[in-house]
C-alpha atoms as a PDB file:
ATOM      1  CA  UNK A   1      11.400  25.084   7.431  1.00  0.00           C
ATOM      2  CA  UNK A   2      11.028  21.304   7.694  1.00  0.00           C
ATOM      3  CA  UNK A   3      12.584  19.099   5.056  1.00  0.00           C
ATOM      4  CA  UNK A   4      10.340  16.344   3.683  1.00  0.00           C
ATOM      5  CA  UNK A   5      11.522  12.751   3.950  1.00  0.00           C
ATOM      6  CA  UNK A   6      12.313  10.855   0.760  1.00  0.00           C
ATOM      7  CA  UNK A   7      13.383   7.234   0.628  1.00  0.00           C
ATOM      8  CA  UNK A   8      11.828   3.796   0.877  1.00  0.00           C
ATOM      9  CA  UNK A   9      10.185   1.421   3.320  1.00  0.00           C
ATOM     10  CA  UNK A  10      10.574  -2.308   2.672  1.00  0.00           C
ATOM     11  CA  UNK A  11       8.598  -5.143   4.187  1.00  0.00           C
ATOM     12  CA  UNK A  12       7.816  -8.818   3.901  1.00  0.00           C
ATOM     13  CA  UNK A  13       4.035  -8.979   4.390  1.00  0.00           C
ATOM     14  CA  UNK A  14       1.157  -6.586   3.819  1.00  0.00           C
ATOM     15  CA  UNK A  15      -2.352  -6.496   2.451  1.00  0.00           C
ATOM     16  CA  UNK A  16      -4.730  -4.491   0.325  1.00  0.00           C
ATOM     17  CA  UNK A  17      -8.224  -3.889   1.644  1.00  0.00           C
ATOM     18  CA  UNK A  18     -11.450  -2.540   0.199  1.00  0.00           C
ATOM     19  CA  UNK A  19     -13.334  -1.349   3.267  1.00  0.00           C
ATOM     20  CA  UNK A  20     -13.668  -4.377   5.520  1.00  0.00           C
ATOM     21  CA  UNK A  21     -13.065  -6.796   2.656  1.00  0.00           C
ATOM     22  CA  UNK A  22      -9.656  -8.324   1.830  1.00  0.00           C
ATOM     23  CA  UNK A  23      -8.531  -7.581  -1.716  1.00  0.00           C
ATOM     24  CA  UNK A  24      -4.979  -8.985  -1.798  1.00  0.00           C
ATOM     25  CA  UNK A  25      -2.235 -10.546   0.304  1.00  0.00           C
ATOM     26  CA  UNK A  26       1.169  -8.986  -0.339  1.00  0.00           C
ATOM     27  CA  UNK A  27       4.723 -10.281  -0.005  1.00  0.00           C
ATOM     28  CA  UNK A  28       7.950  -8.335  -0.482  1.00  0.00           C
ATOM     29  CA  UNK A  29       6.744  -4.756  -0.856  1.00  0.00           C
ATOM     30  CA  UNK A  30       8.637  -1.499  -1.297  1.00  0.00           C
ATOM     31  CA  UNK A  31       6.984   1.857  -0.631  1.00  0.00           C
ATOM     32  CA  UNK A  32       8.982   4.809  -1.940  1.00  0.00           C
ATOM     33  CA  UNK A  33       8.593   8.525  -1.586  1.00  0.00           C
ATOM     34  CA  UNK A  34      10.132  10.718  -4.213  1.00  0.00           C
ATOM     35  CA  UNK A  35       9.573  14.202  -5.520  1.00  0.00           C
ATOM     36  CA  UNK A  36       6.438  13.086  -7.365  1.00  0.00           C
ATOM     37  CA  UNK A  37       4.824  11.376  -4.331  1.00  0.00           C
ATOM     38  CA  UNK A  38       4.380   7.929  -2.826  1.00  0.00           C
ATOM     39  CA  UNK A  39       4.560   4.658  -4.805  1.00  0.00           C
ATOM     40  CA  UNK A  40       4.189   0.943  -4.066  1.00  0.00           C
ATOM     41  CA  UNK A  41       5.782  -2.052  -5.762  1.00  0.00           C
ATOM     42  CA  UNK A  42       4.666  -5.416  -4.364  1.00  0.00           C
ATOM     43  CA  UNK A  43       4.130  -9.089  -5.134  1.00  0.00           C
ATOM     44  CA  UNK A  44       0.513 -10.228  -4.859  1.00  0.00           C
ATOM     45  CA  UNK A  45       0.376 -13.837  -3.621  1.00  0.00           C
ATOM     46  CA  UNK A  46      -3.393 -14.186  -3.101  1.00  0.00           C
ATOM     47  CA  UNK A  47      -6.275 -11.948  -4.220  1.00  0.00           C
ATOM     48  CA  UNK A  48      -9.978 -11.452  -4.718  1.00  0.00           C
ATOM     49  CA  UNK A  49     -10.369 -10.235  -8.308  1.00  0.00           C
ATOM     50  CA  UNK A  50     -13.595  -8.324  -7.648  1.00  0.00           C
ATOM     51  CA  UNK A  51     -12.362  -6.466  -4.556  1.00  0.00           C
ATOM     52  CA  UNK A  52      -8.985  -5.687  -6.127  1.00  0.00           C
ATOM     53  CA  UNK A  53     -10.687  -3.878  -9.014  1.00  0.00           C
ATOM     54  CA  UNK A  54     -13.003  -1.781  -6.803  1.00  0.00           C
ATOM     55  CA  UNK A  55     -12.369   1.530  -5.020  1.00  0.00           C
ATOM     56  CA  UNK A  56     -11.374   2.763  -2.504  1.00  0.00           C
ATOM     57  CA  UNK A  57      -8.382   0.503  -1.840  1.00  0.00           C
ATOM     58  CA  UNK A  58      -6.014   0.768   1.127  1.00  0.00           C
ATOM     59  CA  UNK A  59      -2.489  -0.724   1.333  1.00  0.00           C
ATOM     60  CA  UNK A  60      -1.782  -1.886   4.909  1.00  0.00           C
ATOM     61  CA  UNK A  61       1.702  -2.640   6.262  1.00  0.00           C
ATOM     62  CA  UNK A  62       1.839  -4.048   9.809  1.00  0.00           C
ATOM     63  CA  UNK A  63       4.275  -2.500  12.288  1.00  0.00           C
ATOM     64  CA  UNK A  64       4.889  -3.226  15.961  1.00  0.00           C
ATOM     65  CA  UNK A  65       1.803  -2.038  17.862  1.00  0.00           C
ATOM     66  CA  UNK A  66      -0.231  -0.985  14.808  1.00  0.00           C
ATOM     67  CA  UNK A  67      -0.086  -0.553  11.055  1.00  0.00           C
ATOM     68  CA  UNK A  68       0.812   1.948   8.343  1.00  0.00           C
ATOM     69  CA  UNK A  69      -2.020   2.665   5.890  1.00  0.00           C
ATOM     70  CA  UNK A  70      -1.850   4.310   2.473  1.00  0.00           C
ATOM     71  CA  UNK A  71      -4.879   5.057   0.291  1.00  0.00           C
ATOM     72  CA  UNK A  72      -4.252   3.756  -3.238  1.00  0.00           C
ATOM     73  CA  UNK A  73      -4.870   6.274  -6.034  1.00  0.00           C
ATOM     74  CA  UNK A  74      -4.180   3.983  -9.012  1.00  0.00           C
ATOM     75  CA  UNK A  75      -3.036   0.384  -9.536  1.00  0.00           C
ATOM     76  CA  UNK A  76      -1.032  -0.884 -12.497  1.00  0.00           C
ATOM     77  CA  UNK A  77      -1.206  -4.619 -13.204  1.00  0.00           C
ATOM     78  CA  UNK A  78       1.424  -6.451 -15.292  1.00  0.00           C
ATOM     79  CA  UNK A  79       0.971  -6.538 -19.057  1.00  0.00           C
ATOM     80  CA  UNK A  80      -2.333  -4.681 -18.883  1.00  0.00           C
ATOM     81  CA  UNK A  81      -4.252  -7.578 -17.301  1.00  0.00           C
ATOM     82  CA  UNK A  82      -6.996  -6.363 -14.968  1.00  0.00           C
ATOM     83  CA  UNK A  83      -6.049  -8.291 -12.772  1.00  0.00           C
ATOM     84  CA  UNK A  84      -4.044 -11.308 -13.993  1.00  0.00           C
ATOM     85  CA  UNK A  85      -5.723 -14.713 -13.942  1.00  0.00           C
ATOM     86  CA  UNK A  86      -3.538 -16.104 -11.146  1.00  0.00           C
ATOM     87  CA  UNK A  87      -0.994 -15.112  -8.527  1.00  0.00           C
ATOM     88  CA  UNK A  88       1.811 -14.409  -7.949  1.00  0.00           C
ATOM     89  CA  UNK A  89       2.232 -11.182  -9.906  1.00  0.00           C
ATOM     90  CA  UNK A  90       3.781  -7.773  -9.329  1.00  0.00           C
ATOM     91  CA  UNK A  91       1.722  -4.607  -9.011  1.00  0.00           C
ATOM     92  CA  UNK A  92       2.690  -0.963  -8.974  1.00  0.00           C
ATOM     93  CA  UNK A  93       0.511   1.693  -7.372  1.00  0.00           C
ATOM     94  CA  UNK A  94       0.521   5.399  -6.641  1.00  0.00           C
ATOM     95  CA  UNK A  95      -0.390   6.217  -3.052  1.00  0.00           C
ATOM     96  CA  UNK A  96      -1.674   9.068  -0.916  1.00  0.00           C
ATOM     97  CA  UNK A  97       0.431  10.011   2.152  1.00  0.00           C
ATOM     98  CA  UNK A  98       0.339   7.435   4.988  1.00  0.00           C
ATOM     99  CA  UNK A  99      -1.315   7.419   8.357  1.00  0.00           C
ATOM    100  CA  UNK A 100      -0.768   5.136  11.339  1.00  0.00           C
ATOM    101  CA  UNK A 101      -3.534   3.151  12.975  1.00  0.00           C
ATOM    102  CA  UNK A 102      -2.777   1.995  16.529  1.00  0.00           C
ATOM    103  CA  UNK A 103      -4.834  -0.547  18.388  1.00  0.00           C
ATOM    104  CA  UNK A 104      -6.345   2.212  20.547  1.00  0.00           C
ATOM    105  CA  UNK A 105      -7.523   4.373  17.627  1.00  0.00           C
ATOM    106  CA  UNK A 106      -6.370   6.527  14.751  1.00  0.00           C
ATOM    107  CA  UNK A 107      -3.237   8.631  14.828  1.00  0.00           C
ATOM    108  CA  UNK A 108      -2.425  10.629  11.708  1.00  0.00           C
ATOM    109  CA  UNK A 109       1.236  11.400  11.270  1.00  0.00           C
ATOM    110  CA  UNK A 110       3.083  13.866   9.068  1.00  0.00           C
ATOM    111  CA  UNK A 111       6.206  12.156   7.738  1.00  0.00           C
ATOM    112  CA  UNK A 112       8.787  14.948   7.914  1.00  0.00           C
ATOM    113  CA  UNK A 113      12.237  15.522   9.319  1.00  0.00           C
ATOM    114  CA  UNK A 114      12.633  18.647  11.454  1.00  0.00           C
END
């Protein structure tokens, strides 16, 4: 039986998209996977207030040759603001499992250790 990976992925830049529309530019993010699922903590440095409050949202982290993508289930803004009036601010989000998008097309990956 395969053991599921738990841990974290850290990065410097990322983005949140709503379809083809940019919702937020991200700096210094941490994606963690624990027993309860995937979570994101990130600093928003630029955002579109309308797109950031719509659904569905996707968190995108660039990697060499492609990008990791997580569908966002829920976003928590600081101090209950929806969203805050200005950046930068920290958000927390719960995520669905990731998939990888290469430049040639979609490749869905199961993050497990054999």
